[in-house]
Protein backbone atom coordinates (compact mmCIF):
# COMPACT_ATOMS: atom_id res chain seq x y z
CA MET A 1 64.31 84.11 73.19
CA LYS A 2 67.98 83.75 74.19
CA ARG A 3 69.63 80.95 76.05
CA ASN A 4 70.59 81.51 79.67
CA HIS A 5 73.74 83.60 80.19
CA THR A 6 76.70 82.05 82.08
CA MET A 7 80.04 83.60 82.94
CA MET A 8 83.39 81.92 83.60
CA GLN A 9 86.12 83.50 85.68
CA PHE A 10 88.92 82.48 83.33
CA PHE A 11 91.79 82.26 85.80
CA GLU A 12 92.79 81.10 89.24
CA TRP A 13 95.55 82.46 91.43
CA HIS A 14 98.15 79.91 90.35
CA VAL A 15 97.69 79.67 86.56
CA PRO A 16 101.22 79.22 85.13
CA ALA A 17 103.21 82.42 84.80
CA ASP A 18 104.32 81.33 81.35
CA GLY A 19 102.85 84.13 79.27
CA GLN A 20 100.55 81.68 77.49
CA HIS A 21 97.23 82.38 79.18
CA TRP A 22 95.85 84.67 76.45
CA LYS A 23 96.74 82.01 73.91
CA ARG A 24 94.93 79.39 75.98
CA LEU A 25 91.84 81.60 76.04
CA ALA A 26 91.89 82.02 72.26
CA GLU A 27 92.31 78.27 71.74
CA MET A 28 89.59 77.38 74.22
CA ALA A 29 86.96 79.93 73.13
CA PRO A 30 85.04 77.47 70.87
CA MET A 31 84.99 74.85 73.61
CA LEU A 32 83.79 77.37 76.19
CA LYS A 33 80.94 78.37 73.93
CA GLU A 34 80.05 74.76 73.36
CA ILE A 35 79.68 74.00 77.04
CA GLY A 36 77.44 77.03 77.60
CA ILE A 37 79.81 79.80 78.62
CA ASP A 38 78.90 83.07 76.84
CA SER A 39 81.03 85.49 78.87
CA VAL A 40 84.44 85.38 80.50
CA TRP A 41 85.96 87.49 83.23
CA ILE A 42 89.66 87.73 82.47
CA PRO A 43 92.41 88.67 84.95
CA PRO A 44 94.02 92.11 85.11
CA VAL A 45 95.47 92.93 81.70
CA THR A 46 97.88 95.67 82.87
CA LYS A 47 101.62 95.50 83.69
CA ALA A 48 102.27 94.48 87.29
CA ILE A 49 105.32 94.65 89.54
CA THR A 50 106.75 91.36 88.20
CA PRO A 51 105.99 88.99 85.27
CA GLU A 52 104.79 86.49 87.85
CA ASP A 53 102.35 88.82 89.61
CA THR A 54 98.68 87.89 89.20
CA GLY A 55 97.99 91.46 88.17
CA TYR A 56 96.67 93.06 91.37
CA GLY A 57 100.06 94.59 92.15
CA VAL A 58 99.39 96.97 89.26
CA TYR A 59 102.24 99.19 87.96
CA ASP A 60 101.40 100.76 84.59
CA LEU A 61 97.75 100.86 83.48
CA TYR A 62 98.70 101.71 79.90
CA ASP A 63 101.12 98.83 79.47
CA LEU A 64 99.11 95.74 78.37
CA GLY A 65 102.21 93.68 77.61
CA GLU A 66 103.70 96.10 75.08
CA TYR A 67 106.78 97.63 76.76
CA ASP A 68 109.89 96.25 78.43
CA GLN A 69 109.08 97.19 82.01
CA LYS A 70 109.29 95.31 85.33
CA GLY A 71 111.34 92.46 83.93
CA ALA A 72 109.52 91.61 80.71
CA VAL A 73 107.47 92.90 77.82
CA ARG A 74 104.63 90.47 78.51
CA THR A 75 102.48 90.27 81.63
CA LYS A 76 101.94 87.01 83.48
CA TYR A 77 99.36 86.16 80.84
CA GLY A 78 100.99 87.23 77.60
CA THR A 79 101.54 90.17 75.28
CA LYS A 80 99.19 92.93 74.19
CA SER A 81 98.80 91.47 70.70
CA GLU A 82 97.96 88.06 72.14
CA LEU A 83 95.39 89.67 74.46
CA VAL A 84 93.69 91.55 71.62
CA GLU A 85 93.63 88.37 69.53
CA ALA A 86 92.12 86.34 72.38
CA ILE A 87 89.33 88.87 72.89
CA ALA A 88 88.63 88.97 69.17
CA GLU A 89 88.42 85.17 69.13
CA CYS A 90 85.97 85.21 72.05
CA LEU A 91 83.79 87.78 70.32
CA LYS A 92 83.91 85.68 67.16
CA ASN A 93 82.42 82.85 69.24
CA ALA A 94 79.78 85.16 70.77
CA ILE A 95 81.53 85.23 74.14
CA ALA A 96 81.52 88.54 75.98
CA VAL A 97 84.79 89.51 77.68
CA TYR A 98 84.94 91.45 80.95
CA ALA A 99 88.38 92.86 81.82
CA ASP A 100 89.43 93.09 85.48
CA LEU A 101 90.32 96.64 86.47
CA VAL A 102 92.54 97.44 89.47
CA MET A 103 91.99 101.11 90.28
CA ASN A 104 92.52 101.27 94.04
CA HIS A 105 96.31 101.49 94.22
CA LYS A 106 99.61 101.47 92.34
CA ALA A 107 102.74 99.42 93.08
CA GLY A 108 106.34 99.17 91.95
CA ALA A 109 107.12 102.91 91.67
CA ASP A 110 110.13 104.00 89.66
CA GLU A 111 111.53 106.40 92.29
CA THR A 112 111.16 107.33 95.91
CA GLU A 113 110.06 110.75 97.20
CA THR A 114 110.39 112.43 100.57
CA PHE A 115 107.20 113.74 102.20
CA GLN A 116 105.35 114.14 105.46
CA VAL A 117 103.01 111.46 106.83
CA ILE A 118 101.05 110.57 109.98
CA GLU A 119 101.00 106.97 111.03
CA VAL A 120 97.56 105.59 111.83
CA ASP A 121 96.27 102.59 113.76
CA PRO A 122 95.78 99.70 111.31
CA ASN A 123 92.62 98.69 113.14
CA ASN A 124 91.23 102.25 113.14
CA ARG A 125 92.62 104.36 110.30
CA LEU A 126 90.92 107.41 111.78
CA GLN A 127 93.11 107.09 114.90
CA GLU A 128 96.46 108.90 114.53
CA ILE A 129 99.33 107.28 116.43
CA SER A 130 102.12 109.75 115.59
CA GLU A 131 102.86 113.35 114.95
CA PRO A 132 103.72 114.36 111.39
CA PHE A 133 107.13 113.03 110.32
CA GLU A 134 109.09 112.51 107.13
CA ILE A 135 109.41 109.27 105.21
CA GLU A 136 110.91 108.19 101.92
CA GLY A 137 108.11 106.53 99.97
CA TRP A 138 107.89 104.66 96.66
CA THR A 139 105.34 107.02 95.01
CA LYS A 140 106.91 108.40 91.83
CA PHE A 141 105.80 106.68 88.63
CA THR A 142 107.46 107.91 85.43
CA PHE A 143 107.10 104.73 83.30
CA PRO A 144 110.44 105.17 81.45
CA GLY A 145 109.83 102.06 79.31
CA ARG A 146 106.68 103.57 77.86
CA ASN A 147 108.10 107.10 77.53
CA GLY A 148 104.78 108.91 77.54
CA GLU A 149 103.04 106.89 74.86
CA HIS A 150 99.24 106.62 75.30
CA SER A 151 99.41 109.00 78.31
CA ALA A 152 101.93 111.57 79.52
CA PHE A 153 100.50 111.52 83.05
CA GLN A 154 103.11 110.81 85.71
CA TRP A 155 102.22 110.02 89.32
CA ASN A 156 103.81 111.44 92.46
CA TYR A 157 102.99 111.43 96.15
CA HIS A 158 100.51 114.26 95.73
CA HIS A 159 98.24 111.88 93.79
CA PHE A 160 98.06 109.39 96.69
CA ASN A 161 96.80 109.71 100.25
CA GLY A 162 98.59 106.81 101.88
CA THR A 163 101.36 104.26 101.62
CA ASP A 164 102.71 101.36 103.61
CA TYR A 165 106.50 101.47 103.51
CA ASP A 166 109.16 103.92 104.70
CA ALA A 167 112.33 103.25 102.68
CA LYS A 168 114.28 105.64 104.94
CA GLU A 169 113.76 103.45 108.03
CA GLY A 170 113.00 100.21 106.24
CA ARG A 171 109.72 99.68 108.10
CA THR A 172 106.10 99.09 107.26
CA GLY A 173 102.95 100.72 108.61
CA ILE A 174 99.91 102.57 107.37
CA PHE A 175 101.07 106.10 106.68
CA ARG A 176 98.51 108.75 105.75
CA ILE A 177 100.17 111.41 103.60
CA TYR A 178 100.14 114.72 105.50
CA GLN A 179 99.30 117.59 103.22
CA GLU A 180 96.87 120.48 103.50
CA GLY A 181 93.37 119.40 102.51
CA LYS A 182 94.39 115.73 102.10
CA ASN A 183 92.75 112.93 104.06
CA TRP A 184 91.26 109.48 103.48
CA ASN A 185 88.50 109.55 100.92
CA GLU A 186 84.97 109.41 102.29
CA ASN A 187 82.22 107.31 100.75
CA VAL A 188 84.18 104.08 101.33
CA ASP A 189 83.55 101.07 103.52
CA ASN A 190 83.65 101.92 107.24
CA GLU A 191 85.53 98.82 108.37
CA PHE A 192 88.66 99.85 110.38
CA GLY A 193 87.07 103.25 110.76
CA ASN A 194 87.71 104.14 107.14
CA TYR A 195 88.75 101.44 104.63
CA ASP A 196 90.04 103.73 101.89
CA TYR A 197 93.55 102.34 102.37
CA LEU A 198 94.10 98.75 101.29
CA MET A 199 97.73 98.37 100.06
CA PHE A 200 100.70 99.93 98.28
CA ALA A 201 100.31 103.58 97.23
CA ASN A 202 96.63 104.41 97.61
CA ILE A 203 95.08 106.53 94.86
CA ASP A 204 93.44 109.76 96.07
CA TYR A 205 90.14 110.17 94.19
CA SER A 206 89.44 113.54 95.76
CA LEU A 207 91.74 115.09 93.13
CA PRO A 208 90.13 116.22 89.81
CA GLU A 209 93.28 115.40 87.80
CA VAL A 210 93.32 111.84 89.17
CA ARG A 211 89.64 111.24 88.38
CA HIS A 212 90.16 112.66 84.85
CA GLU A 213 93.18 110.43 84.22
CA MET A 214 91.38 107.31 85.38
CA LEU A 215 88.28 108.05 83.33
CA GLU A 216 90.37 108.64 80.22
CA TRP A 217 92.23 105.40 80.85
CA GLY A 218 88.95 103.48 81.19
CA LYS A 219 87.77 104.82 77.85
CA TRP A 220 91.15 104.19 76.20
CA LEU A 221 91.18 100.61 77.46
CA VAL A 222 87.78 99.64 76.11
CA ASP A 223 88.59 101.19 72.75
CA THR A 224 91.91 99.30 72.68
CA LEU A 225 90.50 95.94 73.74
CA GLN A 226 86.99 96.13 72.31
CA CYS A 227 85.86 94.22 75.40
CA SER A 228 82.24 93.86 76.47
CA GLY A 229 82.49 95.08 80.05
CA TYR A 230 84.55 95.51 83.19
CA ARG A 231 85.00 93.76 86.51
CA LEU A 232 86.00 96.40 89.10
CA ASP A 233 88.35 95.21 91.82
CA ALA A 234 88.14 96.23 95.48
CA ILE A 235 85.48 98.90 95.07
CA LYS A 236 84.58 99.10 98.75
CA HIS A 237 87.97 100.86 99.13
CA ILE A 238 87.32 103.40 96.36
CA ASN A 239 85.24 106.56 96.68
CA HIS A 240 81.79 105.34 95.72
CA GLU A 241 80.97 108.59 93.99
CA PHE A 242 83.90 108.02 91.63
CA ILE A 243 82.65 104.49 90.87
CA LYS A 244 79.30 105.99 89.96
CA GLU A 245 81.04 108.54 87.70
CA PHE A 246 83.22 105.86 86.13
CA ALA A 247 80.25 103.61 85.34
CA ALA A 248 78.32 106.53 83.87
CA GLU A 249 81.25 107.54 81.66
CA MET A 250 81.82 104.00 80.40
CA THR A 251 78.11 103.69 79.53
CA ARG A 252 78.21 106.96 77.68
CA LYS A 253 81.27 105.78 75.83
CA ARG A 254 80.09 102.28 74.88
CA GLY A 255 76.30 102.25 75.31
CA GLU A 256 73.82 100.77 77.76
CA ASP A 257 74.88 97.20 76.97
CA PHE A 258 78.36 97.74 78.38
CA TYR A 259 78.37 95.54 81.46
CA ILE A 260 80.04 96.32 84.80
CA VAL A 261 80.23 94.11 87.88
CA GLY A 262 82.02 95.13 91.07
CA GLU A 263 83.80 93.27 93.79
CA PHE A 264 82.24 94.76 96.92
CA TRP A 265 83.48 92.21 99.41
CA ASN A 266 81.03 92.81 102.21
CA PRO A 267 78.42 90.19 103.20
CA ASP A 268 76.30 92.86 104.95
CA LEU A 269 73.26 93.47 102.79
CA ASN A 270 72.63 96.94 104.14
CA ALA A 271 76.10 97.99 103.02
CA CYS A 272 75.44 96.45 99.60
CA ARG A 273 72.10 98.25 99.33
CA GLU A 274 73.66 101.58 100.30
CA PHE A 275 76.37 101.10 97.70
CA LEU A 276 73.88 100.22 94.95
CA ASP A 277 71.79 103.26 95.93
CA THR A 278 74.90 105.49 95.68
CA VAL A 279 75.82 104.25 92.22
CA ASP A 280 72.22 104.33 90.97
CA TYR A 281 72.27 100.57 90.33
CA ARG A 282 74.56 101.14 87.37
CA ILE A 283 76.63 98.05 88.20
CA ASP A 284 76.05 94.56 89.54
CA LEU A 285 77.73 93.08 92.61
CA PHE A 286 79.12 89.65 93.38
CA ASP A 287 76.92 87.91 95.94
CA VAL A 288 79.48 87.56 98.72
CA SER A 289 76.77 86.66 101.24
CA LEU A 290 75.73 83.64 99.22
CA HIS A 291 79.37 82.51 98.88
CA TYR A 292 79.75 82.53 102.66
CA LYS A 293 76.50 80.58 102.95
CA PHE A 294 77.98 77.93 100.67
CA HIS A 295 81.19 77.88 102.68
CA ALA A 296 79.33 77.53 105.98
CA ALA A 297 77.04 74.83 104.57
CA SER A 298 80.01 72.86 103.30
CA LEU A 299 81.61 72.90 106.79
CA ALA A 300 78.45 72.21 108.79
CA GLY A 301 77.09 69.26 106.77
CA SER A 302 73.65 68.16 107.89
CA GLU A 303 73.67 70.70 110.71
CA PHE A 304 73.13 73.49 108.15
CA ASN A 305 69.51 74.33 107.32
CA LEU A 306 69.38 74.13 103.54
CA ALA A 307 65.91 75.62 103.50
CA GLU A 308 67.52 78.93 104.57
CA ILE A 309 70.47 78.90 102.13
CA PHE A 310 69.21 82.02 100.32
CA ASN A 311 68.18 83.98 103.39
CA ASP A 312 70.03 87.32 103.68
CA THR A 313 71.73 87.00 100.33
CA LEU A 314 71.95 89.56 97.54
CA VAL A 315 70.30 87.25 95.04
CA GLN A 316 67.30 87.07 97.29
CA THR A 317 66.95 90.81 97.88
CA HIS A 318 68.42 92.27 94.68
CA PRO A 319 68.11 89.50 92.08
CA THR A 320 68.71 91.77 89.10
CA ASN A 321 72.02 93.06 90.51
CA ALA A 322 73.41 89.80 91.90
CA VAL A 323 76.29 87.93 90.32
CA THR A 324 76.41 84.53 92.01
CA PHE A 325 79.53 82.42 92.49
CA VAL A 326 80.77 79.44 94.49
CA ASP A 327 84.47 80.28 94.84
CA ASN A 328 87.04 82.56 93.21
CA HIS A 329 90.75 83.40 93.19
CA ASP A 330 90.58 85.19 96.55
CA SER A 331 88.64 82.49 98.39
CA GLN A 332 90.84 79.59 97.32
CA PRO A 333 93.20 78.02 99.89
CA HIS A 334 96.01 80.22 101.25
CA GLU A 335 94.67 83.39 99.64
CA ALA A 336 93.58 86.66 101.25
CA LEU A 337 89.91 85.80 101.71
CA GLU A 338 90.25 82.03 102.07
CA SER A 339 86.78 80.49 102.44
CA TRP A 340 86.97 77.49 100.16
CA VAL A 341 83.74 75.57 99.68
CA GLU A 342 84.41 71.93 100.53
CA ASP A 343 84.51 69.52 97.62
CA TRP A 344 81.49 67.45 98.61
CA PHE A 345 79.24 70.51 98.44
CA LYS A 346 80.57 71.96 95.14
CA GLN A 347 78.08 70.29 92.81
CA ILE A 348 75.18 71.25 95.11
CA ALA A 349 76.38 74.86 95.19
CA TYR A 350 76.72 75.05 91.43
CA ALA A 351 73.22 73.64 90.99
CA LEU A 352 71.97 76.40 93.29
CA ILE A 353 73.46 79.15 91.11
CA LEU A 354 73.15 77.58 87.63
CA LEU A 355 69.69 76.14 87.68
CA ARG A 356 67.63 78.85 89.33
CA LYS A 357 66.13 81.86 87.62
CA ASP A 358 67.76 84.65 89.62
CA GLY A 359 71.34 85.87 89.49
CA TYR A 360 74.07 85.90 86.85
CA PRO A 361 76.16 82.81 87.67
CA VAL A 362 79.94 82.48 87.42
CA VAL A 363 81.84 79.22 87.00
CA PHE A 364 85.30 79.50 88.54
CA TYR A 365 88.21 78.34 86.37
CA GLY A 366 89.74 76.71 89.42
CA ASP A 367 86.62 74.66 90.10
CA TYR A 368 86.31 73.56 86.49
CA PHE A 369 89.95 72.96 85.50
CA GLY A 370 91.61 72.71 88.96
CA ILE A 371 93.85 74.89 91.09
CA GLY A 372 97.57 74.87 91.74
CA GLY A 373 99.57 76.29 94.62
CA PRO A 374 100.31 74.77 98.04
CA SER A 375 96.98 72.91 98.10
CA PRO A 376 96.28 71.81 94.52
CA LYS A 377 92.90 70.37 93.69
CA GLU A 378 91.62 68.62 90.63
CA GLY A 379 88.92 70.26 88.56
CA LYS A 380 85.27 69.24 88.68
CA LYS A 381 84.50 69.38 84.99
CA ALA A 382 82.60 66.08 85.12
CA ALA A 383 80.37 67.38 87.92
CA ILE A 384 79.80 70.82 86.41
CA ASP A 385 79.24 69.92 82.75
CA PRO A 386 75.81 68.32 83.32
CA LEU A 387 74.73 71.44 85.21
CA LEU A 388 75.88 73.67 82.38
CA TYR A 389 73.99 71.49 79.95
CA ALA A 390 70.88 71.71 82.12
CA ARG A 391 71.24 75.48 82.36
CA CYS A 392 71.47 75.82 78.63
CA HIS A 393 68.72 73.39 77.66
CA LYS A 394 66.43 72.80 80.67
CA ALA A 395 66.44 75.57 83.31
CA TYR A 396 63.75 77.86 81.93
CA GLY A 397 60.27 78.99 82.85
CA GLU A 398 58.41 79.54 86.10
CA GLN A 399 60.06 78.30 89.26
CA ASP A 400 58.36 76.53 92.16
CA ASP A 401 60.37 76.08 95.35
CA TYR A 402 60.08 73.15 97.79
CA PHE A 403 62.31 74.54 100.53
CA ASP A 404 60.34 72.76 103.26
CA HIS A 405 62.96 70.56 104.96
CA PRO A 406 66.28 71.48 106.60
CA ASN A 407 68.26 68.76 104.80
CA THR A 408 66.41 68.07 101.55
CA ILE A 409 65.25 70.87 99.29
CA GLY A 410 63.99 71.00 95.73
CA TRP A 411 62.67 73.25 93.01
CA VAL A 412 61.02 72.89 89.63
CA ARG A 413 61.55 74.91 86.45
CA HIS A 414 58.52 74.43 84.27
CA GLY A 415 60.13 75.06 80.89
CA VAL A 416 59.13 77.27 77.97
CA GLU A 417 57.69 76.56 74.54
CA GLU A 418 60.65 78.23 72.81
CA PHE A 419 62.92 75.39 74.00
CA PRO A 420 61.12 72.06 73.50
CA GLY A 421 61.93 69.55 76.23
CA SER A 422 62.97 72.27 78.66
CA GLY A 423 62.03 72.12 82.33
CA CYS A 424 63.69 70.26 85.20
CA ALA A 425 63.26 69.19 88.79
CA VAL A 426 66.25 69.61 91.13
CA VAL A 427 66.68 67.94 94.51
CA ALA A 428 69.63 68.51 96.85
CA SER A 429 70.48 66.93 100.20
CA ASN A 430 73.13 67.73 102.78
CA GLY A 431 72.05 64.77 104.94
CA ASP A 432 70.81 61.29 104.18
CA ALA A 433 69.37 60.13 100.87
CA GLY A 434 65.92 61.64 100.37
CA GLU A 435 63.14 62.39 98.00
CA LYS A 436 60.81 65.22 97.13
CA ARG A 437 57.34 64.91 95.61
CA MET A 438 57.03 67.83 93.21
CA TYR A 439 54.66 68.95 90.49
CA VAL A 440 55.98 69.39 86.97
CA GLY A 441 52.69 69.60 85.07
CA GLU A 442 49.95 67.30 83.91
CA HIS A 443 51.11 67.78 80.30
CA ARG A 444 54.23 65.85 81.35
CA ALA A 445 52.23 62.76 82.35
CA GLY A 446 53.92 59.54 81.25
CA GLU A 447 57.29 61.11 80.45
CA GLU A 448 60.36 59.20 81.58
CA TRP A 449 62.82 61.54 83.32
CA ALA A 450 66.42 60.83 84.15
CA ASP A 451 69.01 62.40 86.46
CA LEU A 452 71.28 64.44 84.18
CA THR A 453 74.07 64.39 86.78
CA GLY A 454 74.23 60.58 86.68
CA ASN A 455 74.17 60.45 90.47
CA ARG A 456 70.99 58.37 90.23
CA GLN A 457 70.83 55.68 87.56
CA GLU A 458 67.08 54.90 87.44
CA THR A 459 64.41 56.75 85.49
CA LEU A 460 61.19 58.19 86.95
CA THR A 461 57.76 58.36 85.35
CA ILE A 462 55.69 61.52 85.67
CA GLY A 463 52.25 60.64 87.06
CA GLU A 464 48.89 61.44 85.51
CA ASP A 465 48.48 64.22 88.07
CA GLY A 466 51.76 65.85 86.96
CA PHE A 467 53.63 64.80 90.09
CA ALA A 468 56.62 62.52 90.60
CA VAL A 469 58.76 61.56 93.55
CA PHE A 470 62.23 62.80 92.73
CA LEU A 471 65.16 61.05 94.45
CA VAL A 472 68.53 62.24 95.66
CA ASN A 473 71.55 60.56 97.26
CA GLY A 474 72.87 61.74 100.63
CA GLY A 475 75.18 64.74 100.39
CA SER A 476 74.36 65.13 96.72
CA VAL A 477 72.17 66.75 94.07
CA SER A 478 70.08 65.31 91.25
CA VAL A 479 68.75 67.15 88.22
CA TRP A 480 65.77 65.35 86.79
CA ALA A 481 64.65 66.14 83.25
CA LEU A 482 63.47 64.63 79.98
CA PRO A 483 66.78 63.30 78.58
CA ASP A 484 68.04 64.48 75.19
CA LYS A 485 70.74 61.88 74.87
CA GLU A 486 71.32 58.17 75.26
CA PRO A 487 73.00 56.87 78.48
CA GLY A 488 76.75 57.31 78.24
CA GLU A 489 76.55 59.82 75.39
CA ALA A 490 78.53 63.02 75.90
CA TYR A 491 76.73 66.22 76.62
CA ALA A 492 76.30 68.25 73.45
CA GLY A 493 76.62 71.53 75.27
CA CYS A 494 75.12 74.81 74.14
CA GLU A 495 76.21 75.01 70.52
CA ASP A 496 72.67 75.52 69.14
CA VAL A 497 72.48 79.18 70.16
CA GLU A 498 69.71 81.41 68.92
CA PRO A 499 70.68 83.50 65.84
CA GLU A 500 70.00 86.80 67.60
CA GLN A 501 72.51 85.84 70.28
CA GLU A 502 75.16 84.90 67.73
CA GLU A 503 74.76 88.24 66.03
CA ALA A 504 75.31 90.06 69.33
CA GLY A 505 79.07 89.43 69.00
CA GLY A 506 79.52 88.67 72.69
CA GLU A 507 77.23 91.46 73.83
CA ALA A 508 76.78 91.58 77.57
CA PRO A 509 73.42 90.73 79.14
CA HIS A 510 71.35 93.72 80.08
CA LYS A 511 71.26 94.37 83.80
CA GLU A 512 67.50 93.98 83.92
CA GLU A 513 67.99 90.39 82.81
CA ALA A 514 70.72 89.79 85.36
CA GLY A 515 71.96 86.80 83.43
CA ARG A 516 68.57 85.15 83.17
CA ALA A 517 66.65 84.04 80.14
CA GLU A 518 63.94 86.42 79.01
CA GLY A 519 60.55 85.80 80.54
CA ASP A 520 61.70 84.70 84.02
CA THR A 521 60.50 87.61 86.03
CA GLU A 522 58.60 86.53 89.07
CA GLN A 523 59.47 84.41 92.08
CA ALA A 524 57.13 81.42 92.29
CA ASP A 525 56.27 79.75 95.59
CA VAL A 526 55.24 76.17 96.08
CA ASP A 527 51.56 77.06 96.09
CA ASP A 528 51.68 79.25 92.94
CA ALA A 529 50.62 78.65 89.40
CA ASP A 530 50.06 75.00 88.38
CA ALA A 531 50.84 73.67 91.86
CA GLU A 532 48.12 75.83 93.39
CA ASN A 533 45.51 73.05 93.44
CA HIS A 534 47.93 70.46 94.77
CA GLU A 535 49.45 72.16 97.81
CA GLU A 536 48.04 69.59 100.22
CA GLU A 537 50.02 66.86 98.47
CA ASP A 538 53.38 68.25 97.47
CA THR A 539 55.35 69.19 100.52
CA GLU A 540 55.96 65.93 102.37
CA GLN A 541 59.50 64.69 103.06
CA ALA A 542 59.76 60.92 102.81
């Protein structure tokens, strides 16, 4: 039986643009493994429009920090050789690496071209607001610094269906390229009428030569990096049929264990379900709905009903395809999708993704180490480490939920024989201090449990009937379990990994596991399993 899988997003928007990030990853790989991280999502590895760009203003997909283009050989994060070395170091430490792919658009063209366009309404891209007219657009990509190495493909306006700048007039807009048979791609998100266009020069996936080039690049990249999977950026803007084709090709290339997760930034579950249906559930999706629940809960305080925190979320309806997260680079302050979860709720939110059986949880670099930028914030390593420890050593087995009060909720993980001492009881409150009487098993009678977070200092004794009253401070979370260390002793982390996991060489979790330990397959309610005979006693809020 393997330990629980946990991912880290190994960057935030404002990591230093010093070209040292790949070196930092290589140096920190042993530490990440020790704290329980066994996969990392790394930022875009391809050359962007400047050495300071985070990577989403992508210029040359075949330049991984190898050619003198756009002001430097390196990317924001380092050189190609440093990247390859960092990935190898992660794999040596049994950490899977998922590379971030930006396939929606291209930026920083080498030359302009003159062509016909129709301007469209930004709020309804199906509504034309001009007759055809000529613009000078930045759409010709020749990559002179690379000079055809790795790929001879050169891009011109025919390979795009929209752009946002007319160099002739020096003005911006959303300009659909006017050419016979060319339009916005279908099978995209229907926001703004048709959300194919996002930014820069928008790639036209209706063209066979474009699809072929992108598929060949995807296969070249994984061979070059030897990474374990991909994170696909902005996929609601890309023809969903191409995403299906891309996922199928990568699986054929690398095998069923090659992992793919997509950023489908849409909290509407019907849209997520339709997308997953289209791609035959070949990829996982980030649970954007749950993120927005966390954000709302952090703003509303005790007015938010914690018992409904998982209602209408992807992890509730599609647990084997949900990648859960608290915040990321886009949701942090001043960024495009700003929806930062307030600091007081962070530890509660991380407990809700790390200590439950469903979902593949992601720890955000910015939450763990801190974020920079106009609103810098210190990291919450001290708050997250105990949760990572509990995920690695305690959060296994059947799960009983006590979501029976709007401000104080709890759940129990009953543990498994394969990990002696596993099992935990979690209580969270967004109001006043509270308690929850929960059943952990008669075989636990007499055990002294402690709060691994340190938020509560006392110990609790499990009763002869297998129940205990588990306490929590107001606006806080407590994780009660049989302690493995003395008070004040540092958490040992997750270094005692099962041999079969070490041998995997960073292999990605299978989608059917969805980041969970083996054996956790059914949702348990409060009146299930061992608690069945005690339901009249175990749901009172004190």
